[in-house]
Structure formats: C-alpha cells, structure tokens
C-alpha cells in the first residue's frame, strides 16, 4: 500500500480506535461470562431444592446457561475481530 500522508495517518488512527473499543467490549464480555459461570455453579446447589420459578418451567440455571452461550459467542467474535484488525493494521502500517 502506498503511503499517503493524511489518509494513511487517519486510517491508522481509525484502526487504533476500533482496536481500543473492541478491547473494552472483549474485556466486558469476558467479565460477564465469568460472572455468569459463577452464578451457574451457585444455582446448581440451590436449584436442587426448589421448583422452577416461572410458568414455562424454565429454571434459573437454564436462563443463565442461555446468557452464557450468548456472551461466549460475543466474546469469541470480539477476539476474531481484534485479530483481524491487528493484522490489517500491520498491513496498513508496513512500509
């Protein structure tokens, strides 16, 4: 890629901004996933003694497991996007 003073600098800044934002989102999703995992482990003990707490019969653990699957998918997507952006940034900033 040919270096163009103003365009190339702006592009690198945009990449760095995206990487920063995605890093934050990834960190949040990792923490959310860990919190949900802890909740799931605690619910297992409590759920053995209780009945489902809604009319459909869905348990609290089922809902937490569903939230974990969504959060895990988000976390994995953020990792992929971060890797892609880092590779692209390397290509853009290479001489």
PDB file of N, CA and C in Angstrom:
ATOM      1  N   UNK A   1       0.844  -1.176   0.000  1.00  0.00           N
ATOM      2  CA  UNK A   1       0.000   0.000   0.000  1.00  0.00           C
ATOM      3  C   UNK A   1       0.891   1.241   0.000  1.00  0.00           C
ATOM      4  N   UNK A   2       0.559   2.163  -0.840  1.00  0.00           N
ATOM      5  CA  UNK A   2       1.329   3.394  -0.942  1.00  0.00           C
ATOM      6  C   UNK A   2       0.957   4.331   0.207  1.00  0.00           C
ATOM      7  N   UNK A   3       1.967   4.885   0.849  1.00  0.00           N
ATOM      8  CA  UNK A   3       1.743   5.795   1.973  1.00  0.00           C
ATOM      9  C   UNK A   3       1.248   7.139   1.452  1.00  0.00           C
ATOM     10  N   UNK A   4       0.128   7.593   1.983  1.00  0.00           N
ATOM     11  CA  UNK A   4      -0.419   8.909   1.664  1.00  0.00           C
ATOM     12  C   UNK A   4      -0.561   9.634   2.984  1.00  0.00           C
ATOM     13  N   UNK A   5       0.170  10.692   3.137  1.00  0.00           N
ATOM     14  CA  UNK A   5       0.358  11.352   4.423  1.00  0.00           C
ATOM     15  C   UNK A   5      -0.929  11.475   5.256  1.00  0.00           C
ATOM     16  N   UNK A   6      -1.899  12.194   4.824  1.00  0.00           N
ATOM     17  CA  UNK A   6      -3.084  12.433   5.646  1.00  0.00           C
ATOM     18  C   UNK A   6      -4.027  11.222   5.697  1.00  0.00           C
ATOM     19  N   UNK A   7      -4.188  10.556   4.577  1.00  0.00           N
ATOM     20  CA  UNK A   7      -5.090   9.411   4.525  1.00  0.00           C
ATOM     21  C   UNK A   7      -4.564   8.241   5.344  1.00  0.00           C
ATOM     22  N   UNK A   8      -3.290   7.948   5.229  1.00  0.00           N
ATOM     23  CA  UNK A   8      -2.713   6.810   5.944  1.00  0.00           C
ATOM     24  C   UNK A   8      -2.719   7.035   7.451  1.00  0.00           C
ATOM     25  N   UNK A   9      -2.400   8.241   7.884  1.00  0.00           N
ATOM     26  CA  UNK A   9      -2.400   8.542   9.316  1.00  0.00           C
ATOM     27  C   UNK A   9      -3.817   8.421   9.870  1.00  0.00           C
ATOM     28  N   UNK A  10      -4.804   8.940   9.135  1.00  0.00           N
ATOM     29  CA  UNK A  10      -6.196   8.845   9.581  1.00  0.00           C
ATOM     30  C   UNK A  10      -6.630   7.378   9.669  1.00  0.00           C
ATOM     31  N   UNK A  11      -6.246   6.599   8.688  1.00  0.00           N
ATOM     32  CA  UNK A  11      -6.620   5.186   8.675  1.00  0.00           C
ATOM     33  C   UNK A  11      -6.018   4.443   9.875  1.00  0.00           C
ATOM     34  N   UNK A  12      -4.766   4.696  10.168  1.00  0.00           N
ATOM     35  CA  UNK A  12      -4.118   4.058  11.322  1.00  0.00           C
ATOM     36  C   UNK A  12      -4.819   4.480  12.608  1.00  0.00           C
ATOM     37  N   UNK A  13      -5.148   5.756  12.728  1.00  0.00           N
ATOM     38  CA  UNK A  13      -5.873   6.224  13.924  1.00  0.00           C
ATOM     39  C   UNK A  13      -7.230   5.540  14.052  1.00  0.00           C
ATOM     40  N   UNK A  14      -7.933   5.390  12.934  1.00  0.00           N
ATOM     41  CA  UNK A  14      -9.234   4.706  12.955  1.00  0.00           C
ATOM     42  C   UNK A  14      -9.080   3.251  13.402  1.00  0.00           C
ATOM     43  N   UNK A  15      -8.056   2.575  12.887  1.00  0.00           N
ATOM     44  CA  UNK A  15      -7.797   1.195  13.307  1.00  0.00           C
ATOM     45  C   UNK A  15      -7.514   1.127  14.804  1.00  0.00           C
ATOM     46  N   UNK A  16      -6.673   2.032  15.291  1.00  0.00           N
ATOM     47  CA  UNK A  16      -6.335   2.033  16.719  1.00  0.00           C
ATOM     48  C   UNK A  16      -7.552   2.310  17.585  1.00  0.00           C
ATOM     49  N   UNK A  17      -8.427   3.206  17.132  1.00  0.00           N
ATOM     50  CA  UNK A  17      -9.655   3.492  17.870  1.00  0.00           C
ATOM     51  C   UNK A  17     -10.557   2.261  17.923  1.00  0.00           C
ATOM     52  N   UNK A  18     -10.697   1.580  16.797  1.00  0.00           N
ATOM     53  CA  UNK A  18     -11.506   0.356  16.752  1.00  0.00           C
ATOM     54  C   UNK A  18     -10.925  -0.722  17.660  1.00  0.00           C
ATOM     55  N   UNK A  19      -9.614  -0.876  17.630  1.00  0.00           N
ATOM     56  CA  UNK A  19      -8.962  -1.872  18.484  1.00  0.00           C
ATOM     57  C   UNK A  19      -9.206  -1.545  19.951  1.00  0.00           C
ATOM     58  N   UNK A  20      -9.112  -0.276  20.307  1.00  0.00           N
ATOM     59  CA  UNK A  20      -9.351   0.142  21.692  1.00  0.00           C
ATOM     60  C   UNK A  20     -10.784  -0.162  22.117  1.00  0.00           C
ATOM     61  N   UNK A  21     -11.748   0.163  21.278  1.00  0.00           N
ATOM     62  CA  UNK A  21     -13.153  -0.087  21.609  1.00  0.00           C
ATOM     63  C   UNK A  21     -13.459  -1.577  21.686  1.00  0.00           C
ATOM     64  N   UNK A  22     -12.931  -2.347  20.742  1.00  0.00           N
ATOM     65  CA  UNK A  22     -13.156  -3.795  20.767  1.00  0.00           C
ATOM     66  C   UNK A  22     -12.477  -4.455  21.966  1.00  0.00           C
ATOM     67  N   UNK A  23     -11.327  -3.956  22.359  1.00  0.00           N
ATOM     68  CA  UNK A  23     -10.640  -4.480  23.538  1.00  0.00           C
ATOM     69  C   UNK A  23     -11.501  -4.271  24.772  1.00  0.00           C
ATOM     70  N   UNK A  24     -12.124  -3.103  24.873  1.00  0.00           N
ATOM     71  CA  UNK A  24     -13.018  -2.823  26.003  1.00  0.00           C
ATOM     72  C   UNK A  24     -14.230  -3.751  25.981  1.00  0.00           C
ATOM     73  N   UNK A  25     -14.845  -3.910  24.816  1.00  0.00           N
ATOM     74  CA  UNK A  25     -16.002  -4.812  24.703  1.00  0.00           C
ATOM     75  C   UNK A  25     -15.617  -6.250  25.029  1.00  0.00           C
ATOM     76  N   UNK A  26     -14.443  -6.669  24.584  1.00  0.00           N
ATOM     77  CA  UNK A  26     -13.977  -8.024  24.868  1.00  0.00           C
ATOM     78  C   UNK A  26     -13.769  -8.211  26.374  1.00  0.00           C
ATOM     79  N   UNK A  27     -13.175  -7.218  27.017  1.00  0.00           N
ATOM     80  CA  UNK A  27     -12.943  -7.283  28.460  1.00  0.00           C
ATOM     81  C   UNK A  27     -14.272  -7.392  29.207  1.00  0.00           C
ATOM     82  N   UNK A  28     -15.263  -6.598  28.793  1.00  0.00           N
ATOM     83  CA  UNK A  28     -16.586  -6.644  29.432  1.00  0.00           C
ATOM     84  C   UNK A  28     -17.224  -8.008  29.232  1.00  0.00           C
ATOM     85  N   UNK A  29     -17.149  -8.553  28.028  1.00  0.00           N
ATOM     86  CA  UNK A  29     -17.772  -9.855  27.763  1.00  0.00           C
ATOM     87  C   UNK A  29     -17.072 -10.969  28.540  1.00  0.00           C
ATOM     88  N   UNK A  30     -15.759 -10.885  28.699  1.00  0.00           N
ATOM     89  CA  UNK A  30     -15.032 -11.884  29.492  1.00  0.00           C
ATOM     90  C   UNK A  30     -15.467 -11.832  30.951  1.00  0.00           C
ATOM     91  N   UNK A  31     -15.580 -10.634  31.496  1.00  0.00           N
ATOM     92  CA  UNK A  31     -16.014 -10.488  32.886  1.00  0.00           C
ATOM     93  C   UNK A  31     -17.454 -10.942  33.075  1.00  0.00           C
ATOM     94  N   UNK A  32     -18.314 -10.618  32.123  1.00  0.00           N
ATOM     95  CA  UNK A  32     -19.712 -11.054  32.183  1.00  0.00           C
ATOM     96  C   UNK A  32     -19.791 -12.567  32.140  1.00  0.00           C
ATOM     97  N   UNK A  33     -19.033 -13.185  31.233  1.00  0.00           N
ATOM     98  CA  UNK A  33     -19.030 -14.641  31.125  1.00  0.00           C
ATOM     99  C   UNK A  33     -18.574 -15.288  32.435  1.00  0.00           C
ATOM    100  N   UNK A  34     -17.509 -14.756  33.032  1.00  0.00           N
ATOM    101  CA  UNK A  34     -17.014 -15.307  34.298  1.00  0.00           C
ATOM    102  C   UNK A  34     -18.049 -15.165  35.414  1.00  0.00           C
ATOM    103  N   UNK A  35     -18.739 -14.038  35.456  1.00  0.00           N
ATOM    104  CA  UNK A  35     -19.776 -13.821  36.460  1.00  0.00           C
ATOM    105  C   UNK A  35     -20.925 -14.809  36.268  1.00  0.00           C
ATOM    106  N   UNK A  36     -21.342 -14.992  35.028  1.00  0.00           N
ATOM    107  CA  UNK A  36     -22.420 -15.947  34.741  1.00  0.00           C
ATOM    108  C   UNK A  36     -22.008 -17.376  35.084  1.00  0.00           C
ATOM    109  N   UNK A  37     -20.755 -17.701  34.843  1.00  0.00           N
ATOM    110  CA  UNK A  37     -20.254 -19.041  35.175  1.00  0.00           C
ATOM    111  C   UNK A  37     -20.314 -19.273  36.690  1.00  0.00           C
ATOM    112  N   UNK A  38     -19.932 -18.259  37.452  1.00  0.00           N
ATOM    113  CA  UNK A  38     -20.028 -18.359  38.912  1.00  0.00           C
ATOM    114  C   UNK A  38     -21.478 -18.497  39.363  1.00  0.00           C
ATOM    115  N   UNK A  39     -22.367 -17.727  38.731  1.00  0.00           N
ATOM    116  CA  UNK A  39     -23.792 -17.816  39.064  1.00  0.00           C
ATOM    117  C   UNK A  39     -24.324 -19.211  38.773  1.00  0.00           C
ATOM    118  N   UNK A  40     -23.929 -19.776  37.660  1.00  0.00           N
ATOM    119  CA  UNK A  40     -24.396 -21.105  37.271  1.00  0.00           C
ATOM    120  C   UNK A  40     -23.990 -22.149  38.310  1.00  0.00           C
ATOM    121  N   UNK A  41     -22.771 -22.046  38.780  1.00  0.00           N
ATOM    122  CA  UNK A  41     -22.293 -23.001  39.785  1.00  0.00           C
ATOM    123  C   UNK A  41     -23.069 -22.865  41.094  1.00  0.00           C
ATOM    124  N   UNK A  42     -23.379 -21.629  41.488  1.00  0.00           N
ATOM    125  CA  UNK A  42     -24.135 -21.413  42.730  1.00  0.00           C
ATOM    126  C   UNK A  42     -25.580 -21.862  42.601  1.00  0.00           C
ATOM    127  N   UNK A  43     -26.147 -21.675  41.423  1.00  0.00           N
ATOM    128  CA  UNK A  43     -27.542 -22.042  41.205  1.00  0.00           C
ATOM    129  C   UNK A  43     -27.740 -23.544  41.284  1.00  0.00           C
ATOM    130  N   UNK A  44     -26.753 -24.302  40.847  1.00  0.00           N
ATOM    131  CA  UNK A  44     -26.882 -25.769  40.839  1.00  0.00           C
ATOM    132  C   UNK A  44     -27.265 -26.273  42.228  1.00  0.00           C
ATOM    133  N   UNK A  45     -26.594 -25.765  43.241  1.00  0.00           N
ATOM    134  CA  UNK A  45     -26.886 -26.199  44.610  1.00  0.00           C
ATOM    135  C   UNK A  45     -28.290 -25.793  45.037  1.00  0.00           C
ATOM    136  N   UNK A  46     -28.663 -24.561  44.757  1.00  0.00           N
ATOM    137  CA  UNK A  46     -29.961 -24.047  45.184  1.00  0.00           C
ATOM    138  C   UNK A  46     -31.112 -24.663  44.408  1.00  0.00           C
ATOM    139  N   UNK A  47     -30.892 -24.951  43.136  1.00  0.00           N
ATOM    140  CA  UNK A  47     -31.964 -25.428  42.273  1.00  0.00           C
ATOM    141  C   UNK A  47     -32.430 -26.839  42.648  1.00  0.00           C
ATOM    142  N   UNK A  48     -31.574 -27.619  43.241  1.00  0.00           N
ATOM    143  CA  UNK A  48     -31.950 -28.974  43.634  1.00  0.00           C
ATOM    144  C   UNK A  48     -33.076 -28.962  44.659  1.00  0.00           C
ATOM    145  N   UNK A  49     -33.174 -27.888  45.405  1.00  0.00           N
ATOM    146  CA  UNK A  49     -34.175 -27.794  46.459  1.00  0.00           C
ATOM    147  C   UNK A  49     -35.414 -27.004  46.050  1.00  0.00           C
ATOM    148  N   UNK A  50     -35.383 -26.360  44.885  1.00  0.00           N
ATOM    149  CA  UNK A  50     -36.508 -25.503  44.514  1.00  0.00           C
ATOM    150  C   UNK A  50     -37.152 -25.953  43.210  1.00  0.00           C
ATOM    151  N   UNK A  51     -38.338 -25.420  42.971  1.00  0.00           N
ATOM    152  CA  UNK A  51     -39.063 -25.681  41.738  1.00  0.00           C
ATOM    153  C   UNK A  51     -38.788 -24.535  40.761  1.00  0.00           C
ATOM    154  N   UNK A  52     -39.078 -24.754  39.476  1.00  0.00           N
ATOM    155  CA  UNK A  52     -38.908 -23.659  38.516  1.00  0.00           C
ATOM    156  C   UNK A  52     -39.668 -22.422  38.971  1.00  0.00           C
ATOM    157  N   UNK A  53     -39.100 -21.254  38.738  1.00  0.00           N
ATOM    158  CA  UNK A  53     -39.716 -20.026  39.232  1.00  0.00           C
ATOM    159  C   UNK A  53     -40.502 -19.268  38.164  1.00  0.00           C
ATOM    160  N   UNK A  54     -40.919 -19.968  37.116  1.00  0.00           N
ATOM    161  CA  UNK A  54     -41.807 -19.340  36.139  1.00  0.00           C
ATOM    162  C   UNK A  54     -42.778 -20.375  35.584  1.00  0.00           C
ATOM    163  N   UNK A  55     -43.778 -19.915  34.899  1.00  0.00           N
ATOM    164  CA  UNK A  55     -44.834 -20.810  34.430  1.00  0.00           C
ATOM    165  C   UNK A  55     -44.370 -21.788  33.357  1.00  0.00           C
ATOM    166  N   UNK A  56     -43.407 -21.417  32.557  1.00  0.00           N
ATOM    167  CA  UNK A  56     -42.933 -22.285  31.493  1.00  0.00           C
ATOM    168  C   UNK A  56     -42.051 -23.416  31.983  1.00  0.00           C
ATOM    169  N   UNK A  57     -41.671 -23.383  33.234  1.00  0.00           N
ATOM    170  CA  UNK A  57     -40.838 -24.421  33.803  1.00  0.00           C
ATOM    171  C   UNK A  57     -39.356 -24.236  33.544  1.00  0.00           C
ATOM    172  N   UNK A  58     -38.981 -23.127  32.937  1.00  0.00           N
ATOM    173  CA  UNK A  58     -37.569 -22.869  32.685  1.00  0.00           C
ATOM    174  C   UNK A  58     -36.891 -22.509  34.004  1.00  0.00           C
ATOM    175  N   UNK A  59     -35.790 -23.142  34.262  1.00  0.00           N
ATOM    176  CA  UNK A  59     -35.092 -22.904  35.527  1.00  0.00           C
ATOM    177  C   UNK A  59     -34.152 -21.709  35.423  1.00  0.00           C
ATOM    178  N   UNK A  60     -33.727 -21.224  36.576  1.00  0.00           N
ATOM    179  CA  UNK A  60     -32.763 -20.129  36.613  1.00  0.00           C
ATOM    180  C   UNK A  60     -31.466 -20.559  35.933  1.00  0.00           C
ATOM    181  N   UNK A  61     -31.048 -21.794  36.131  1.00  0.00           N
ATOM    182  CA  UNK A  61     -29.823 -22.298  35.502  1.00  0.00           C
ATOM    183  C   UNK A  61     -29.958 -22.300  33.980  1.00  0.00           C
ATOM    184  N   UNK A  62     -31.127 -22.676  33.490  1.00  0.00           N
ATOM    185  CA  UNK A  62     -31.350 -22.656  32.041  1.00  0.00           C
ATOM    186  C   UNK A  62     -31.175 -21.249  31.482  1.00  0.00           C
ATOM    187  N   UNK A  63     -31.707 -20.261  32.191  1.00  0.00           N
ATOM    188  CA  UNK A  63     -31.591 -18.874  31.740  1.00  0.00           C
ATOM    189  C   UNK A  63     -30.145 -18.393  31.804  1.00  0.00           C
ATOM    190  N   UNK A  64     -29.431 -18.765  32.872  1.00  0.00           N
ATOM    191  CA  UNK A  64     -28.021 -18.371  32.993  1.00  0.00           C
ATOM    192  C   UNK A  64     -27.191 -19.062  31.907  1.00  0.00           C
ATOM    193  N   UNK A  65     -27.462 -20.331  31.653  1.00  0.00           N
ATOM    194  CA  UNK A  65     -26.735 -21.048  30.592  1.00  0.00           C
ATOM    195  C   UNK A  65     -26.978 -20.408  29.224  1.00  0.00           C
ATOM    196  N   UNK A  66     -28.223 -19.976  28.983  1.00  0.00           N
ATOM    197  CA  UNK A  66     -28.534 -19.288  27.726  1.00  0.00           C
ATOM    198  C   UNK A  66     -27.727 -17.993  27.626  1.00  0.00           C
ATOM    199  N   UNK A  67     -27.701 -17.208  28.707  1.00  0.00           N
ATOM    200  CA  UNK A  67     -26.945 -15.952  28.719  1.00  0.00           C
ATOM    201  C   UNK A  67     -25.453 -16.225  28.523  1.00  0.00           C
ATOM    202  N   UNK A  68     -24.951 -17.318  29.108  1.00  0.00           N
ATOM    203  CA  UNK A  68     -23.540 -17.681  28.928  1.00  0.00           C
ATOM    204  C   UNK A  68     -23.231 -17.984  27.461  1.00  0.00           C
ATOM    205  N   UNK A  69     -24.142 -18.680  26.794  1.00  0.00           N
ATOM    206  CA  UNK A  69     -23.892 -19.026  25.389  1.00  0.00           C
ATOM    207  C   UNK A  69     -23.845 -17.770  24.517  1.00  0.00           C
ATOM    208  N   UNK A  70     -24.723 -16.812  24.797  1.00  0.00           N
ATOM    209  CA  UNK A  70     -24.724 -15.555  24.044  1.00  0.00           C
ATOM    210  C   UNK A  70     -23.437 -14.777  24.318  1.00  0.00           C
ATOM    211  N   UNK A  71     -23.062 -14.692  25.584  1.00  0.00           N
ATOM    212  CA  UNK A  71     -21.868 -13.943  25.970  1.00  0.00           C
ATOM    213  C   UNK A  71     -20.606 -14.596  25.408  1.00  0.00           C
ATOM    214  N   UNK A  72     -20.558 -15.926  25.416  1.00  0.00           N
ATOM    215  CA  UNK A  72     -19.402 -16.628  24.874  1.00  0.00           C
ATOM    216  C   UNK A  72     -19.272 -16.374  23.371  1.00  0.00           C
ATOM    217  N   UNK A  73     -20.393 -16.379  22.669  1.00  0.00           N
ATOM    218  CA  UNK A  73     -20.365 -16.109  21.232  1.00  0.00           C
ATOM    219  C   UNK A  73     -19.871 -14.686  20.964  1.00  0.00           C
ATOM    220  N   UNK A  74     -20.335 -13.733  21.765  1.00  0.00           N
ATOM    221  CA  UNK A  74     -19.870 -12.350  21.614  1.00  0.00           C
ATOM    222  C   UNK A  74     -18.373 -12.252  21.872  1.00  0.00           C
ATOM    223  N   UNK A  75     -17.936 -12.901  22.941  1.00  0.00           N
ATOM    224  CA  UNK A  75     -16.521 -12.870  23.317  1.00  0.00           C
ATOM    225  C   UNK A  75     -15.650 -13.426  22.181  1.00  0.00           C
ATOM    226  N   UNK A  76     -16.059 -14.530  21.605  1.00  0.00           N
ATOM    227  CA  UNK A  76     -15.303 -15.146  20.513  1.00  0.00           C
ATOM    228  C   UNK A  76     -15.294 -14.257  19.267  1.00  0.00           C
ATOM    229  N   UNK A  77     -16.426 -13.593  18.996  1.00  0.00           N
ATOM    230  CA  UNK A  77     -16.496 -12.693  17.838  1.00  0.00           C
ATOM    231  C   UNK A  77     -15.570 -11.492  18.040  1.00  0.00           C
ATOM    232  N   UNK A  78     -15.531 -10.943  19.267  1.00  0.00           N
ATOM    233  CA  UNK A  78     -14.628  -9.825  19.547  1.00  0.00           C
ATOM    234  C   UNK A  78     -13.173 -10.252  19.360  1.00  0.00           C
ATOM    235  N   UNK A  79     -12.831 -11.467  19.777  1.00  0.00           N
ATOM    236  CA  UNK A  79     -11.464 -11.966  19.595  1.00  0.00           C
ATOM    237  C   UNK A  79     -11.112 -12.052  18.121  1.00  0.00           C
ATOM    238  N   UNK A  80     -12.036 -12.560  17.310  1.00  0.00           N
ATOM    239  CA  UNK A  80     -11.794 -12.663  15.865  1.00  0.00           C
ATOM    240  C   UNK A  80     -11.614 -11.282  15.239  1.00  0.00           C
ATOM    241  N   UNK A  81     -12.489 -10.362  15.604  1.00  0.00           N
ATOM    242  CA  UNK A  81     -12.401  -9.011  15.049  1.00  0.00           C
ATOM    243  C   UNK A  81     -11.104  -8.318  15.462  1.00  0.00           C
ATOM    244  N   UNK A  82     -10.707  -8.503  16.721  1.00  0.00           N
ATOM    245  CA  UNK A  82      -9.440  -7.919  17.170  1.00  0.00           C
ATOM    246  C   UNK A  82      -8.259  -8.473  16.388  1.00  0.00           C
ATOM    247  N   UNK A  83      -8.242  -9.774  16.183  1.00  0.00           N
ATOM    248  CA  UNK A  83      -7.155 -10.382  15.400  1.00  0.00           C
ATOM    249  C   UNK A  83      -7.140  -9.838  13.975  1.00  0.00           C
ATOM    250  N   UNK A  84      -8.318  -9.729  13.360  1.00  0.00           N
ATOM    251  CA  UNK A  84      -8.400  -9.194  12.001  1.00  0.00           C
ATOM    252  C   UNK A  84      -7.910  -7.750  11.940  1.00  0.00           C
ATOM    253  N   UNK A  85      -8.339  -6.939  12.909  1.00  0.00           N
ATOM    254  CA  UNK A  85      -7.912  -5.537  12.920  1.00  0.00           C
ATOM    255  C   UNK A  85      -6.410  -5.399  13.122  1.00  0.00           C
ATOM    256  N   UNK A  86      -5.855  -6.219  13.995  1.00  0.00           N
ATOM    257  CA  UNK A  86      -4.405  -6.152  14.236  1.00  0.00           C
ATOM    258  C   UNK A  86      -3.624  -6.545  12.987  1.00  0.00           C
ATOM    259  N   UNK A  87      -4.099  -7.582  12.290  1.00  0.00           N
ATOM    260  CA  UNK A  87      -3.441  -7.969  11.038  1.00  0.00           C
ATOM    261  C   UNK A  87      -3.563  -6.873   9.985  1.00  0.00           C
ATOM    262  N   UNK A  88      -4.730  -6.278   9.901  1.00  0.00           N
ATOM    263  CA  UNK A  88      -4.946  -5.196   8.929  1.00  0.00           C
ATOM    264  C   UNK A  88      -4.088  -3.991   9.280  1.00  0.00           C
ATOM    265  N   UNK A  89      -3.980  -3.681  10.553  1.00  0.00           N
ATOM    266  CA  UNK A  89      -3.152  -2.548  10.974  1.00  0.00           C
ATOM    267  C   UNK A  89      -1.695  -2.782  10.612  1.00  0.00           C
ATOM    268  N   UNK A  90      -1.240  -4.007  10.776  1.00  0.00           N
ATOM    269  CA  UNK A  90       0.126  -4.354  10.391  1.00  0.00           C
ATOM    270  C   UNK A  90       0.340  -4.139   8.898  1.00  0.00           C
ATOM    271  N   UNK A  91      -0.652  -4.536   8.109  1.00  0.00           N
ATOM    272  CA  UNK A  91      -0.539  -4.382   6.658  1.00  0.00           C
ATOM    273  C   UNK A  91      -0.565  -2.903   6.258  1.00  0.00           C
ATOM    274  N   UNK A  92      -1.393  -2.123   6.925  1.00  0.00           N
ATOM    275  CA  UNK A  92      -1.509  -0.704   6.599  1.00  0.00           C
ATOM    276  C   UNK A  92      -0.246   0.048   6.997  1.00  0.00           C
ATOM    277  N   UNK A  93       0.318  -0.292   8.137  1.00  0.00           N
ATOM    278  CA  UNK A  93       1.455   0.473   8.642  1.00  0.00           C
ATOM    279  C   UNK A  93       2.812  -0.059   8.141  1.00  0.00           C
ATOM    280  N   UNK A  94       2.790  -1.177   7.412  1.00  0.00           N
ATOM    281  CA  UNK A  94       4.046  -1.717   6.873  1.00  0.00           C
ATOM    282  C   UNK A  94       4.534  -0.832   5.722  1.00  0.00           C
ATOM    283  N   UNK A  95       5.844  -0.662   5.632  1.00  0.00           N
ATOM    284  CA  UNK A  95       6.396   0.196   4.555  1.00  0.00           C
ATOM    285  C   UNK A  95       6.241  -0.434   3.183  1.00  0.00           C
TER     286      UNK A  95
END
